[in-house]
Amino acid sequence: MNSQRHIIPDHLYRIVYTVFLLIPFCLFLVCLFLAGCSSESSNHQTGSAKDSKSTKESSITVKESGSIADKKNVQSVTKNKEDHKAEKSESPELKIDEARELFEKLFTERIDGNASEDFDQISEKFMKLGSQKIISQLIIEMQSEQQIRREIASTFLSQLALDAKGAEEVLLKALEDESQFVRINSASTLSVLNSHIKETVSALIKLLSGDDKQVHMIAIIAFRNVADQAESAIPILIQLLQESDTEIKKEILNTLQVMKKLDSENLKTIQQLVDSDSEEQTIRDIAK
């Protein structure tokens, strides 16, 4: 039996040959693809690691920031507590209590009849509390049934003068006080405040009818504060000019000069009194 030789057609041969050539190229493409996937996976892992690290750092930063904020809040609260304590220690209530305590010491010293250094020292401490702190206490004391308390309080109010604005009503009432000392201090303070002028002038005129030289001196000077409305005091001032000593005469003439409401008859009377006074040349100088 004769063997037959198989012959591969040319077109089939070309196909096989082409496939054979394409296999390496396809393998190369597959390798490139796999390499690309590997690179993306690596980058993704690296990015995730970075993100994780950033998140941790951010968390730490937030914690640290929160810690700082908490410290500041604690410091702020502590400072507020300290400020509150300071305010509490300087509260008006405590100051008023201190004013009451110091006034009691002043009263005790005065009752004992000791015009000692202690009274002056206590007075200085009392005044250092400030007018706003002691006015309330002085108003209370001005309404006391004890005369010495009212006299001490009226003295301090006269020293406060313009700062005694909150005490006008008790000062007005005190113009009728049984103590001449309280009346003159109250009238003098009201004259400085220019408050209740009509009542003040009337009270000062009444006080000039007494015999106390110190009271006269305070009243005469007080008239200068209300000179525009004290014309009714001119007659008694001229009368005192005839009866008083040289020191009082000087103050009267100074007050009359401030008033500037003297008629010709009053001026003539004053001139005659001055010309006949041989005790002091200064009086004549004042009257000119």
Protein backbone atom coordinates (compact mmCIF):
# COMPACT_ATOMS: atom_id res chain seq x y z
CA MET A 1 0.00 0.00 0.00
CA ASN A 2 1.52 3.17 -1.05
CA SER A 3 1.76 5.94 1.57
CA GLN A 4 0.20 9.28 0.75
CA ARG A 5 2.01 12.58 1.56
CA HIS A 6 -0.08 15.19 3.39
CA ILE A 7 0.43 18.68 2.07
CA ILE A 8 -0.62 21.72 4.31
CA PRO A 9 -2.46 24.29 2.38
CA ASP A 10 -0.72 27.66 2.03
CA HIS A 11 -3.44 29.72 3.64
CA LEU A 12 -3.53 27.48 6.72
CA TYR A 13 0.21 27.73 6.99
CA ARG A 14 0.03 31.52 6.98
CA ILE A 15 -2.55 31.51 9.75
CA VAL A 16 -0.47 29.27 11.98
CA TYR A 17 2.63 31.30 11.27
CA THR A 18 0.80 34.57 12.14
CA VAL A 19 -0.55 33.14 15.41
CA PHE A 20 2.90 31.95 16.32
CA LEU A 21 4.26 35.45 15.82
CA LEU A 22 1.46 37.06 17.84
CA ILE A 23 1.92 34.87 20.93
CA PRO A 24 5.06 36.73 22.22
CA PHE A 25 3.42 40.09 21.60
CA CYS A 26 0.34 39.06 23.55
CA LEU A 27 2.49 37.76 26.37
CA PHE A 28 4.29 41.13 26.43
CA LEU A 29 1.00 42.99 26.66
CA VAL A 30 -0.16 40.71 29.50
CA CYS A 31 3.05 41.41 31.38
CA LEU A 32 2.62 45.14 30.96
CA PHE A 33 -0.95 44.92 32.19
CA LEU A 34 0.04 42.90 35.25
CA ALA A 35 2.88 45.30 36.01
CA GLY A 36 0.45 48.26 35.82
CA CYS A 37 -2.01 46.62 38.21
CA SER A 38 0.79 45.88 40.65
CA SER A 39 1.92 49.53 40.56
CA GLU A 40 -1.61 50.87 41.18
CA SER A 41 -2.08 48.50 44.11
CA SER A 42 1.21 49.66 45.60
CA ASN A 43 0.26 53.33 45.18
CA HIS A 44 -3.15 52.70 46.74
CA GLN A 45 -1.55 51.03 49.76
CA THR A 46 0.96 53.87 50.09
CA GLY A 47 -1.86 56.47 49.87
CA SER A 48 -3.88 54.60 52.46
CA ALA A 49 -0.87 54.51 54.76
CA LYS A 50 -0.34 58.24 54.30
CA ASP A 51 -4.03 58.95 54.91
CA SER A 52 -3.94 56.81 58.02
CA LYS A 53 -0.84 58.60 59.27
CA SER A 54 -2.39 62.01 58.49
CA THR A 55 -5.57 60.99 60.32
CA LYS A 56 -3.53 59.94 63.34
CA GLU A 57 -1.53 63.19 63.28
CA SER A 58 -4.75 65.19 62.92
CA SER A 59 -6.23 63.30 65.83
CA ILE A 60 -3.16 64.00 67.93
CA THR A 61 -3.30 67.68 66.93
CA VAL A 62 -6.96 67.87 67.86
CA LYS A 63 -6.28 66.21 71.19
CA GLU A 64 -3.37 68.53 71.88
CA SER A 65 -5.43 71.53 70.80
CA GLY A 66 -8.30 70.38 72.96
CA SER A 67 -5.89 69.93 75.84
CA ILE A 68 -4.61 73.50 75.41
CA ALA A 69 -8.16 74.80 75.19
CA ASP A 70 -9.06 72.86 78.32
CA LYS A 71 -6.07 74.34 80.12
CA LYS A 72 -7.12 77.83 79.04
CA ASN A 73 -10.67 77.15 80.16
CA VAL A 74 -9.42 75.92 83.53
CA GLN A 75 -7.20 78.98 83.87
CA SER A 76 -10.13 81.23 82.88
CA VAL A 77 -12.42 79.58 85.43
CA THR A 78 -9.74 79.85 88.11
CA LYS A 79 -9.18 83.52 87.26
CA ASN A 80 -12.92 84.19 87.36
CA LYS A 81 -13.13 82.55 90.77
CA GLU A 82 -10.23 84.65 92.02
CA ASP A 83 -11.83 87.82 90.56
CA HIS A 84 -15.12 86.88 92.19
CA LYS A 85 -13.37 86.42 95.52
CA ALA A 86 -11.66 89.81 95.10
CA GLU A 87 -14.97 91.44 94.22
CA LYS A 88 -16.60 89.77 97.18
CA SER A 89 -13.89 91.01 99.50
CA GLU A 90 -14.39 94.56 98.15
CA SER A 91 -18.18 94.39 98.03
CA PRO A 92 -20.22 97.40 99.17
CA GLU A 93 -21.76 95.33 101.95
CA LEU A 94 -18.36 94.66 103.49
CA LYS A 95 -17.38 98.31 103.08
CA ILE A 96 -20.59 99.40 104.79
CA ASP A 97 -19.91 96.98 107.62
CA GLU A 98 -16.44 98.43 107.94
CA ALA A 99 -17.90 101.96 107.93
CA ARG A 100 -20.32 100.97 110.69
CA GLU A 101 -17.50 99.44 112.74
CA LEU A 102 -15.26 102.50 112.39
CA PHE A 103 -18.12 104.86 113.25
CA GLU A 104 -18.77 102.88 116.43
CA LYS A 105 -15.13 103.36 117.37
CA LEU A 106 -15.43 107.11 116.72
CA PHE A 107 -18.55 107.24 118.88
CA THR A 108 -16.85 105.31 121.69
CA GLU A 109 -13.85 107.62 121.63
CA ARG A 110 -16.05 110.71 121.72
CA ILE A 111 -18.22 109.30 124.53
CA ASP A 112 -15.14 108.66 126.65
CA GLY A 113 -14.27 112.34 126.25
CA ASN A 114 -10.83 111.62 124.85
CA ALA A 115 -9.79 114.05 122.11
CA SER A 116 -6.92 111.65 121.56
CA GLU A 117 -4.79 110.73 118.65
CA ASP A 118 -6.88 107.60 118.25
CA PHE A 119 -9.92 109.60 117.19
CA ASP A 120 -7.94 111.31 114.43
CA GLN A 121 -6.49 108.00 113.25
CA ILE A 122 -9.92 106.37 113.16
CA SER A 123 -11.32 109.41 111.32
CA GLU A 124 -8.61 109.07 108.69
CA LYS A 125 -9.40 105.37 108.16
CA PHE A 126 -13.10 106.19 107.99
CA MET A 127 -12.62 108.85 105.30
CA LYS A 128 -10.34 106.55 103.29
CA LEU A 129 -13.29 104.22 102.72
CA GLY A 130 -14.56 106.80 100.23
CA SER A 131 -17.67 108.95 100.20
CA GLN A 132 -19.84 106.35 98.46
CA LYS A 133 -19.11 103.82 101.19
CA ILE A 134 -19.63 106.06 104.20
CA ILE A 135 -22.57 108.27 103.09
CA SER A 136 -25.06 105.49 103.80
CA GLN A 137 -23.72 105.08 107.32
CA LEU A 138 -23.70 108.83 107.95
CA ILE A 139 -27.32 109.12 106.81
CA ILE A 140 -28.26 106.44 109.32
CA GLU A 141 -26.34 108.19 112.09
CA MET A 142 -27.95 111.56 111.26
CA GLN A 143 -31.28 109.99 112.22
CA SER A 144 -30.03 108.60 115.50
CA GLU A 145 -31.67 109.62 118.77
CA GLN A 146 -28.24 110.15 120.26
CA GLN A 147 -27.05 113.73 119.79
CA ILE A 148 -23.35 112.86 119.77
CA ARG A 149 -23.87 110.46 116.88
CA ARG A 150 -25.66 113.17 114.89
CA GLU A 151 -22.92 115.69 115.67
CA ILE A 152 -20.16 113.33 114.53
CA ALA A 153 -22.08 112.45 111.35
CA SER A 154 -22.82 116.11 110.52
CA THR A 155 -19.12 116.91 110.93
CA PHE A 156 -18.12 114.27 108.39
CA LEU A 157 -20.84 115.36 105.97
CA SER A 158 -19.53 118.93 106.12
CA GLN A 159 -16.07 117.60 105.29
CA LEU A 160 -17.44 115.62 102.33
CA ALA A 161 -19.22 118.78 101.07
CA LEU A 162 -19.99 118.22 97.36
CA ASP A 163 -19.68 114.45 97.79
CA ALA A 164 -22.59 114.53 100.26
CA LYS A 165 -25.24 114.87 97.54
CA GLY A 166 -27.13 111.78 98.65
CA ALA A 167 -27.75 113.24 102.10
CA GLU A 168 -29.70 116.43 101.25
CA GLU A 169 -32.96 115.30 102.83
CA VAL A 170 -31.48 114.35 106.19
CA LEU A 171 -29.45 117.57 106.14
CA LEU A 172 -32.62 119.58 105.51
CA LYS A 173 -34.32 117.89 108.43
CA ALA A 174 -31.23 118.50 110.57
CA LEU A 175 -31.64 122.29 110.16
CA GLU A 176 -34.21 121.95 112.96
CA ASP A 177 -32.01 119.76 115.15
CA GLU A 178 -31.80 120.60 118.85
CA SER A 179 -28.01 120.65 118.55
CA GLN A 180 -26.62 123.94 117.30
CA PHE A 181 -23.55 122.05 116.18
CA VAL A 182 -25.63 119.76 113.94
CA ARG A 183 -27.57 122.73 112.56
CA ILE A 184 -24.51 124.75 111.55
CA ASN A 185 -22.77 121.75 109.97
CA SER A 186 -25.91 120.84 108.03
CA ALA A 187 -26.53 124.43 106.85
CA SER A 188 -22.91 124.81 105.80
CA THR A 189 -23.03 121.54 103.80
CA LEU A 190 -26.29 122.50 102.09
CA SER A 191 -24.84 125.87 101.14
CA VAL A 192 -21.96 124.12 99.38
CA LEU A 193 -24.41 121.80 97.63
CA ASN A 194 -26.63 124.79 96.71
CA SER A 195 -29.55 122.71 97.84
CA HIS A 196 -32.67 123.89 99.72
CA ILE A 197 -31.23 127.43 99.63
CA LYS A 198 -34.22 129.21 101.11
CA GLU A 199 -34.26 126.96 104.19
CA THR A 200 -30.46 127.11 104.43
CA VAL A 201 -30.31 130.93 104.44
CA SER A 202 -33.05 131.07 107.06
CA ALA A 203 -31.20 128.59 109.27
CA LEU A 204 -27.90 130.50 108.91
CA ILE A 205 -29.57 133.78 109.92
CA LYS A 206 -30.99 132.12 113.04
CA LEU A 207 -27.58 130.74 113.89
CA LEU A 208 -26.10 134.26 113.80
CA SER A 209 -28.44 135.28 116.61
CA GLY A 210 -26.51 133.13 119.08
CA ASP A 211 -23.31 133.94 120.95
CA ASP A 212 -21.01 131.21 119.65
CA LYS A 213 -18.14 132.84 117.75
CA GLN A 214 -17.22 129.63 115.93
CA VAL A 215 -20.81 129.20 114.74
CA HIS A 216 -20.84 132.83 113.56
CA MET A 217 -17.66 132.32 111.60
CA ILE A 218 -18.97 129.19 109.82
CA ALA A 219 -22.32 130.84 109.04
CA ILE A 220 -20.75 134.06 107.69
CA ILE A 221 -18.50 132.06 105.34
CA ALA A 222 -21.42 129.81 104.30
CA PHE A 223 -23.37 132.84 103.07
CA ARG A 224 -20.79 133.28 100.30
CA ASN A 225 -21.89 129.96 98.75
CA VAL A 226 -25.45 131.26 98.35
CA ALA A 227 -24.65 134.98 98.00
CA ASP A 228 -27.12 135.56 95.15
CA GLN A 229 -30.02 134.49 97.37
CA ALA A 230 -28.79 135.66 100.78
CA GLU A 231 -29.84 139.32 100.61
CA SER A 232 -32.04 138.84 103.67
CA ALA A 233 -28.90 138.23 105.73
CA ILE A 234 -27.41 141.70 105.08
CA PRO A 235 -29.08 143.50 108.04
CA ILE A 236 -27.85 141.01 110.64
CA LEU A 237 -24.37 140.95 109.08
CA ILE A 238 -24.17 144.75 109.38
CA GLN A 239 -25.39 144.49 112.95
CA LEU A 240 -22.66 141.96 113.75
CA LEU A 241 -20.17 144.29 112.11
CA GLN A 242 -20.84 146.73 114.95
CA GLU A 243 -20.61 144.16 117.73
CA SER A 244 -17.96 141.65 116.67
CA ASP A 245 -14.21 141.51 117.08
CA THR A 246 -11.74 142.25 114.32
CA GLU A 247 -11.53 138.67 112.99
CA ILE A 248 -15.29 138.39 112.59
CA LYS A 249 -15.49 141.87 111.01
CA LYS A 250 -13.00 140.83 108.33
CA GLU A 251 -15.11 137.80 107.41
CA ILE A 252 -18.32 139.85 107.39
CA LEU A 253 -16.82 142.43 105.02
CA ASN A 254 -15.52 139.70 102.73
CA THR A 255 -18.98 138.13 102.65
CA LEU A 256 -20.68 141.47 101.96
CA GLN A 257 -18.27 142.05 99.09
CA VAL A 258 -19.31 138.74 97.56
CA MET A 259 -23.00 139.59 97.90
CA LYS A 260 -22.68 142.91 96.04
CA LYS A 261 -26.28 143.84 96.85
CA LEU A 262 -25.73 146.70 99.30
CA ASP A 263 -27.85 149.82 98.96
CA SER A 264 -26.43 153.31 99.58
CA GLU A 265 -27.63 153.40 103.17
CA ASN A 266 -25.97 150.10 104.02
CA LEU A 267 -22.76 151.23 102.33
CA LYS A 268 -22.81 154.46 104.34
CA THR A 269 -23.30 152.54 107.60
CA ILE A 270 -20.46 150.16 106.77
CA GLN A 271 -18.14 153.03 105.87
CA GLN A 272 -18.87 154.81 109.16
CA LEU A 273 -18.19 151.62 111.14
CA VAL A 274 -14.98 151.01 109.30
CA ASP A 275 -13.72 154.59 109.62
CA SER A 276 -14.36 154.59 113.36
CA ASP A 277 -12.50 151.32 113.82
CA SER A 278 -8.94 152.00 114.89
CA GLU A 279 -8.05 148.39 115.65
CA GLU A 280 -7.14 147.17 112.20
CA GLN A 281 -6.18 148.96 109.00
CA THR A 282 -6.92 145.81 107.00
CA ILE A 283 -10.65 146.22 107.65
CA ARG A 284 -10.56 149.60 105.89
CA ASP A 285 -8.66 148.07 103.00
CA ILE A 286 -11.30 145.36 102.61
CA ALA A 287 -14.15 147.89 102.64
CA LYS A 288 -12.68 150.01 99.84
